[in-house]
Amino acid sequence: MKIAMDDLKKKNFEGYLAAFKEIATIVKGVPKDIEDCEKMTGDLKKAEDWADKFEHPVKVVEAITKNMFTHFKDIKDNIDLGMKSLDTEDYYHFGYHMGQALFVATQ
C-alpha cells in the first residue's frame, strides 16, 4: 500500500494510474480477508462482485485507463480530499474518498 500512496502523492495522471494498478493487486485478496466479519455479511457480496473485476487484470487496466481519461477531475478531486483527510487523521473520510475514486476508476 505504501507504493500506491507514494504514487498518489505525485498528483498526476501517471501516478494515479500506477496507484490504481497497485491497489488492484491488493484488492484481489479483500473478500477472503473479510469473509469472517459478521457485520460485513451484507457488504461481502458487493465486495466480492467488485473484486471479481480484478480477476481479469488486462480488462481492469483498460477500464482504469479509459476512466482516468473520462473522469479524471472526479477521480483527482476524490483523491485530493482523501489525502487531506489522511493528513488530519480523518481515516473514515480518507477511506470514503479513496473508495469513491477507486470505484469511479474501475466502473
N, C-alpha and C. Protein backbone atom coordinates (compact mmCIF):
# COMPACT_ATOMS: atom_id res chain seq x y z
N MET A 1 0.82 -1.20 0.00
CA MET A 1 0.00 0.00 0.00
C MET A 1 0.86 1.26 0.00
N LYS A 2 2.06 1.16 0.57
CA LYS A 2 2.95 2.32 0.59
C LYS A 2 3.29 2.77 -0.83
N ILE A 3 3.50 1.80 -1.72
CA ILE A 3 3.80 2.14 -3.11
C ILE A 3 2.65 2.92 -3.72
N ALA A 4 1.42 2.45 -3.49
CA ALA A 4 0.25 3.15 -4.02
C ALA A 4 0.15 4.56 -3.43
N MET A 5 0.38 4.70 -2.14
CA MET A 5 0.31 6.02 -1.51
C MET A 5 1.37 6.96 -2.10
N ASP A 6 2.57 6.45 -2.30
CA ASP A 6 3.63 7.27 -2.89
C ASP A 6 3.24 7.72 -4.30
N ASP A 7 2.62 6.80 -5.06
CA ASP A 7 2.17 7.15 -6.41
C ASP A 7 1.07 8.20 -6.37
N LEU A 8 0.14 8.10 -5.42
CA LEU A 8 -0.93 9.09 -5.30
C LEU A 8 -0.39 10.47 -4.98
N LYS A 9 0.66 10.51 -4.20
CA LYS A 9 1.24 11.81 -3.80
C LYS A 9 1.89 12.54 -4.97
N LYS A 10 2.09 11.85 -6.09
CA LYS A 10 2.66 12.50 -7.27
C LYS A 10 1.66 13.47 -7.90
N LYS A 11 0.36 13.25 -7.62
CA LYS A 11 -0.72 14.13 -8.08
C LYS A 11 -0.72 14.36 -9.59
N ASN A 12 -0.48 13.27 -10.34
CA ASN A 12 -0.58 13.37 -11.79
C ASN A 12 -1.20 12.10 -12.35
N PHE A 13 -1.54 12.14 -13.61
CA PHE A 13 -2.23 11.02 -14.27
C PHE A 13 -1.44 9.72 -14.12
N GLU A 14 -0.15 9.77 -14.42
CA GLU A 14 0.68 8.57 -14.36
C GLU A 14 0.75 8.00 -12.95
N GLY A 15 0.86 8.88 -11.96
CA GLY A 15 0.91 8.44 -10.57
C GLY A 15 -0.38 7.79 -10.14
N TYR A 16 -1.51 8.39 -10.52
CA TYR A 16 -2.80 7.81 -10.17
C TYR A 16 -2.99 6.46 -10.84
N LEU A 17 -2.62 6.36 -12.11
CA LEU A 17 -2.76 5.10 -12.83
C LEU A 17 -1.91 4.01 -12.18
N ALA A 18 -0.67 4.34 -11.84
CA ALA A 18 0.21 3.37 -11.18
C ALA A 18 -0.36 2.95 -9.83
N ALA A 19 -0.92 3.92 -9.08
CA ALA A 19 -1.51 3.61 -7.77
C ALA A 19 -2.69 2.67 -7.92
N PHE A 20 -3.55 2.92 -8.89
CA PHE A 20 -4.72 2.06 -9.09
C PHE A 20 -4.31 0.66 -9.51
N LYS A 21 -3.27 0.55 -10.31
CA LYS A 21 -2.77 -0.78 -10.68
C LYS A 21 -2.27 -1.52 -9.44
N GLU A 22 -1.56 -0.82 -8.57
CA GLU A 22 -1.05 -1.43 -7.33
C GLU A 22 -2.21 -1.84 -6.43
N ILE A 23 -3.20 -0.97 -6.30
CA ILE A 23 -4.36 -1.27 -5.46
C ILE A 23 -5.13 -2.46 -6.03
N ALA A 24 -5.17 -2.56 -7.36
CA ALA A 24 -5.87 -3.68 -7.99
C ALA A 24 -5.29 -5.02 -7.54
N THR A 25 -3.98 -5.08 -7.39
CA THR A 25 -3.37 -6.34 -6.93
C THR A 25 -3.72 -6.63 -5.47
N ILE A 26 -3.88 -5.58 -4.68
CA ILE A 26 -4.23 -5.74 -3.26
C ILE A 26 -5.68 -6.18 -3.11
N VAL A 27 -6.56 -5.60 -3.93
CA VAL A 27 -8.00 -5.84 -3.82
C VAL A 27 -8.37 -7.30 -4.03
N LYS A 28 -7.60 -7.99 -4.82
CA LYS A 28 -7.94 -9.38 -5.11
C LYS A 28 -8.07 -10.22 -3.84
N GLY A 29 -7.40 -9.85 -2.76
CA GLY A 29 -7.47 -10.61 -1.52
C GLY A 29 -8.49 -10.12 -0.52
N VAL A 30 -9.16 -9.02 -0.80
CA VAL A 30 -10.09 -8.42 0.17
C VAL A 30 -11.22 -9.35 0.58
N PRO A 31 -11.95 -9.98 -0.34
CA PRO A 31 -13.07 -10.83 0.11
C PRO A 31 -12.64 -11.93 1.09
N LYS A 32 -11.50 -12.52 0.88
CA LYS A 32 -11.01 -13.55 1.79
C LYS A 32 -10.69 -12.95 3.16
N ASP A 33 -10.18 -11.72 3.16
CA ASP A 33 -9.81 -11.07 4.42
C ASP A 33 -11.01 -10.72 5.28
N ILE A 34 -12.17 -10.47 4.66
CA ILE A 34 -13.33 -10.02 5.44
C ILE A 34 -14.43 -11.07 5.54
N GLU A 35 -14.21 -12.26 5.02
CA GLU A 35 -15.29 -13.24 4.99
C GLU A 35 -15.77 -13.67 6.37
N ASP A 36 -14.95 -13.54 7.40
CA ASP A 36 -15.35 -13.93 8.74
C ASP A 36 -15.95 -12.79 9.56
N CYS A 37 -16.03 -11.60 9.00
CA CYS A 37 -16.57 -10.45 9.72
C CYS A 37 -18.10 -10.48 9.64
N GLU A 38 -18.75 -10.72 10.77
CA GLU A 38 -20.20 -10.83 10.80
C GLU A 38 -20.89 -9.55 10.32
N LYS A 39 -20.37 -8.40 10.69
CA LYS A 39 -21.00 -7.14 10.31
C LYS A 39 -20.85 -6.86 8.81
N MET A 40 -20.00 -7.61 8.15
CA MET A 40 -19.74 -7.38 6.74
C MET A 40 -20.58 -8.27 5.82
N THR A 41 -21.42 -9.14 6.37
CA THR A 41 -22.12 -10.09 5.52
C THR A 41 -22.93 -9.43 4.42
N GLY A 42 -23.60 -8.33 4.70
CA GLY A 42 -24.36 -7.63 3.67
C GLY A 42 -23.48 -7.03 2.60
N ASP A 43 -22.33 -6.53 3.01
CA ASP A 43 -21.42 -5.89 2.07
C ASP A 43 -20.48 -6.88 1.40
N LEU A 44 -20.38 -8.07 1.95
CA LEU A 44 -19.43 -9.04 1.42
C LEU A 44 -19.73 -9.39 -0.04
N LYS A 45 -20.99 -9.59 -0.36
CA LYS A 45 -21.37 -9.93 -1.74
C LYS A 45 -21.00 -8.79 -2.68
N LYS A 46 -21.25 -7.56 -2.26
CA LYS A 46 -20.88 -6.41 -3.09
C LYS A 46 -19.37 -6.36 -3.29
N ALA A 47 -18.62 -6.59 -2.21
CA ALA A 47 -17.16 -6.58 -2.29
C ALA A 47 -16.66 -7.69 -3.21
N GLU A 48 -17.26 -8.85 -3.10
CA GLU A 48 -16.85 -9.97 -3.95
C GLU A 48 -17.14 -9.67 -5.42
N ASP A 49 -18.33 -9.13 -5.69
CA ASP A 49 -18.68 -8.80 -7.07
C ASP A 49 -17.72 -7.76 -7.63
N TRP A 50 -17.41 -6.75 -6.82
CA TRP A 50 -16.48 -5.71 -7.27
C TRP A 50 -15.09 -6.29 -7.46
N ALA A 51 -14.64 -7.12 -6.54
CA ALA A 51 -13.30 -7.69 -6.62
C ALA A 51 -13.16 -8.66 -7.79
N ASP A 52 -14.27 -9.25 -8.23
CA ASP A 52 -14.23 -10.16 -9.38
C ASP A 52 -13.65 -9.48 -10.62
N LYS A 53 -13.84 -8.18 -10.71
CA LYS A 53 -13.29 -7.44 -11.85
C LYS A 53 -11.78 -7.63 -11.95
N PHE A 54 -11.14 -7.81 -10.81
CA PHE A 54 -9.69 -7.88 -10.76
C PHE A 54 -9.13 -9.24 -11.14
N GLU A 55 -10.02 -10.18 -11.44
CA GLU A 55 -9.59 -11.50 -11.92
C GLU A 55 -9.09 -11.40 -13.36
N HIS A 56 -9.42 -10.32 -14.03
CA HIS A 56 -9.02 -10.11 -15.41
C HIS A 56 -8.20 -8.83 -15.49
N PRO A 57 -6.91 -8.90 -15.12
CA PRO A 57 -6.10 -7.69 -14.98
C PRO A 57 -6.03 -6.82 -16.24
N VAL A 58 -6.01 -7.43 -17.40
CA VAL A 58 -5.93 -6.64 -18.63
C VAL A 58 -7.18 -5.77 -18.76
N LYS A 59 -8.35 -6.35 -18.50
CA LYS A 59 -9.60 -5.59 -18.59
C LYS A 59 -9.65 -4.48 -17.54
N VAL A 60 -9.13 -4.76 -16.36
CA VAL A 60 -9.13 -3.75 -15.30
C VAL A 60 -8.25 -2.57 -15.69
N VAL A 61 -7.06 -2.86 -16.20
CA VAL A 61 -6.16 -1.78 -16.60
C VAL A 61 -6.78 -0.98 -17.74
N GLU A 62 -7.43 -1.66 -18.67
CA GLU A 62 -8.11 -0.95 -19.76
C GLU A 62 -9.21 -0.04 -19.21
N ALA A 63 -10.01 -0.57 -18.28
CA ALA A 63 -11.09 0.23 -17.69
C ALA A 63 -10.54 1.42 -16.92
N ILE A 64 -9.50 1.18 -16.13
CA ILE A 64 -8.90 2.27 -15.35
C ILE A 64 -8.35 3.34 -16.28
N THR A 65 -7.65 2.93 -17.32
CA THR A 65 -7.08 3.89 -18.26
C THR A 65 -8.18 4.72 -18.91
N LYS A 66 -9.24 4.06 -19.39
CA LYS A 66 -10.36 4.76 -20.02
C LYS A 66 -11.02 5.72 -19.03
N ASN A 67 -11.28 5.24 -17.83
CA ASN A 67 -11.95 6.07 -16.83
C ASN A 67 -11.08 7.21 -16.33
N MET A 68 -9.77 7.01 -16.33
CA MET A 68 -8.87 8.11 -15.93
C MET A 68 -8.99 9.26 -16.93
N PHE A 69 -9.13 8.93 -18.21
CA PHE A 69 -9.31 9.99 -19.21
C PHE A 69 -10.69 10.61 -19.12
N THR A 70 -11.71 9.76 -18.95
CA THR A 70 -13.09 10.22 -18.96
C THR A 70 -13.49 10.96 -17.68
N HIS A 71 -13.00 10.49 -16.53
CA HIS A 71 -13.45 11.03 -15.24
C HIS A 71 -12.29 11.56 -14.39
N PHE A 72 -11.25 12.08 -15.05
CA PHE A 72 -10.04 12.48 -14.33
C PHE A 72 -10.34 13.48 -13.22
N LYS A 73 -11.14 14.51 -13.49
CA LYS A 73 -11.40 15.54 -12.48
C LYS A 73 -12.08 14.94 -11.25
N ASP A 74 -13.08 14.10 -11.44
CA ASP A 74 -13.79 13.47 -10.32
C ASP A 74 -12.84 12.59 -9.52
N ILE A 75 -12.04 11.80 -10.21
CA ILE A 75 -11.08 10.92 -9.54
C ILE A 75 -10.06 11.74 -8.77
N LYS A 76 -9.50 12.77 -9.43
CA LYS A 76 -8.49 13.61 -8.78
C LYS A 76 -9.07 14.34 -7.57
N ASP A 77 -10.29 14.86 -7.69
CA ASP A 77 -10.92 15.57 -6.57
C ASP A 77 -11.09 14.64 -5.37
N ASN A 78 -11.53 13.40 -5.61
CA ASN A 78 -11.69 12.45 -4.51
C ASN A 78 -10.35 12.08 -3.89
N ILE A 79 -9.34 11.91 -4.72
CA ILE A 79 -8.01 11.59 -4.19
C ILE A 79 -7.50 12.76 -3.35
N ASP A 80 -7.65 13.97 -3.85
CA ASP A 80 -7.21 15.15 -3.09
C ASP A 80 -7.93 15.25 -1.75
N LEU A 81 -9.25 15.04 -1.75
CA LEU A 81 -10.00 15.07 -0.50
C LEU A 81 -9.56 13.94 0.43
N GLY A 82 -9.30 12.77 -0.13
CA GLY A 82 -8.83 11.65 0.68
C GLY A 82 -7.48 11.94 1.32
N MET A 83 -6.57 12.51 0.54
CA MET A 83 -5.24 12.80 1.08
C MET A 83 -5.31 13.90 2.15
N LYS A 84 -6.20 14.87 1.98
CA LYS A 84 -6.39 15.90 3.02
C LYS A 84 -6.94 15.26 4.29
N SER A 85 -7.86 14.32 4.12
CA SER A 85 -8.41 13.62 5.29
C SER A 85 -7.33 12.82 6.00
N LEU A 86 -6.47 12.19 5.24
CA LEU A 86 -5.38 11.43 5.83
C LEU A 86 -4.45 12.34 6.62
N ASP A 87 -4.16 13.51 6.06
CA ASP A 87 -3.28 14.47 6.75
C ASP A 87 -3.83 14.89 8.11
N THR A 88 -5.17 14.91 8.24
CA THR A 88 -5.79 15.31 9.50
C THR A 88 -6.21 14.08 10.34
N GLU A 89 -5.75 12.92 9.92
CA GLU A 89 -6.04 11.65 10.61
C GLU A 89 -7.53 11.34 10.65
N ASP A 90 -8.25 11.82 9.64
CA ASP A 90 -9.68 11.52 9.49
C ASP A 90 -9.78 10.29 8.58
N TYR A 91 -9.59 9.12 9.17
CA TYR A 91 -9.47 7.89 8.40
C TYR A 91 -10.79 7.46 7.76
N TYR A 92 -11.89 7.81 8.39
CA TYR A 92 -13.19 7.46 7.80
C TYR A 92 -13.33 8.14 6.44
N HIS A 93 -13.13 9.45 6.38
CA HIS A 93 -13.29 10.18 5.13
C HIS A 93 -12.16 9.86 4.15
N PHE A 94 -10.98 9.55 4.66
CA PHE A 94 -9.91 9.09 3.78
C PHE A 94 -10.38 7.85 3.02
N GLY A 95 -10.90 6.87 3.75
CA GLY A 95 -11.38 5.64 3.12
C GLY A 95 -12.54 5.88 2.18
N TYR A 96 -13.44 6.76 2.60
CA TYR A 96 -14.60 7.07 1.76
C TYR A 96 -14.16 7.66 0.42
N HIS A 97 -13.34 8.71 0.47
CA HIS A 97 -12.94 9.39 -0.77
C HIS A 97 -12.06 8.50 -1.65
N MET A 98 -11.18 7.74 -1.04
CA MET A 98 -10.33 6.85 -1.85
C MET A 98 -11.18 5.75 -2.46
N GLY A 99 -12.17 5.27 -1.72
CA GLY A 99 -13.10 4.28 -2.27
C GLY A 99 -13.88 4.83 -3.45
N GLN A 100 -14.33 6.08 -3.31
CA GLN A 100 -15.06 6.71 -4.41
C GLN A 100 -14.17 6.82 -5.65
N ALA A 101 -12.94 7.24 -5.45
CA ALA A 101 -12.01 7.37 -6.58
C ALA A 101 -11.77 6.01 -7.24
N LEU A 102 -11.57 5.00 -6.43
CA LEU A 102 -11.32 3.67 -6.97
C LEU A 102 -12.56 3.12 -7.67
N PHE A 103 -13.74 3.38 -7.11
CA PHE A 103 -14.97 2.93 -7.74
C PHE A 103 -15.13 3.56 -9.13
N VAL A 104 -14.95 4.88 -9.21
CA VAL A 104 -15.09 5.56 -10.50
C VAL A 104 -14.03 5.06 -11.49
N ALA A 105 -12.83 4.84 -11.01
CA ALA A 105 -11.74 4.39 -11.89
C ALA A 105 -11.97 2.99 -12.42
N THR A 106 -12.69 2.16 -11.69
CA THR A 106 -12.84 0.75 -12.10
C THR A 106 -14.23 0.42 -12.60
N GLN A 107 -15.14 1.37 -12.70
CA GLN A 107 -16.52 1.06 -13.11
C GLN A 107 -16.61 0.59 -14.54
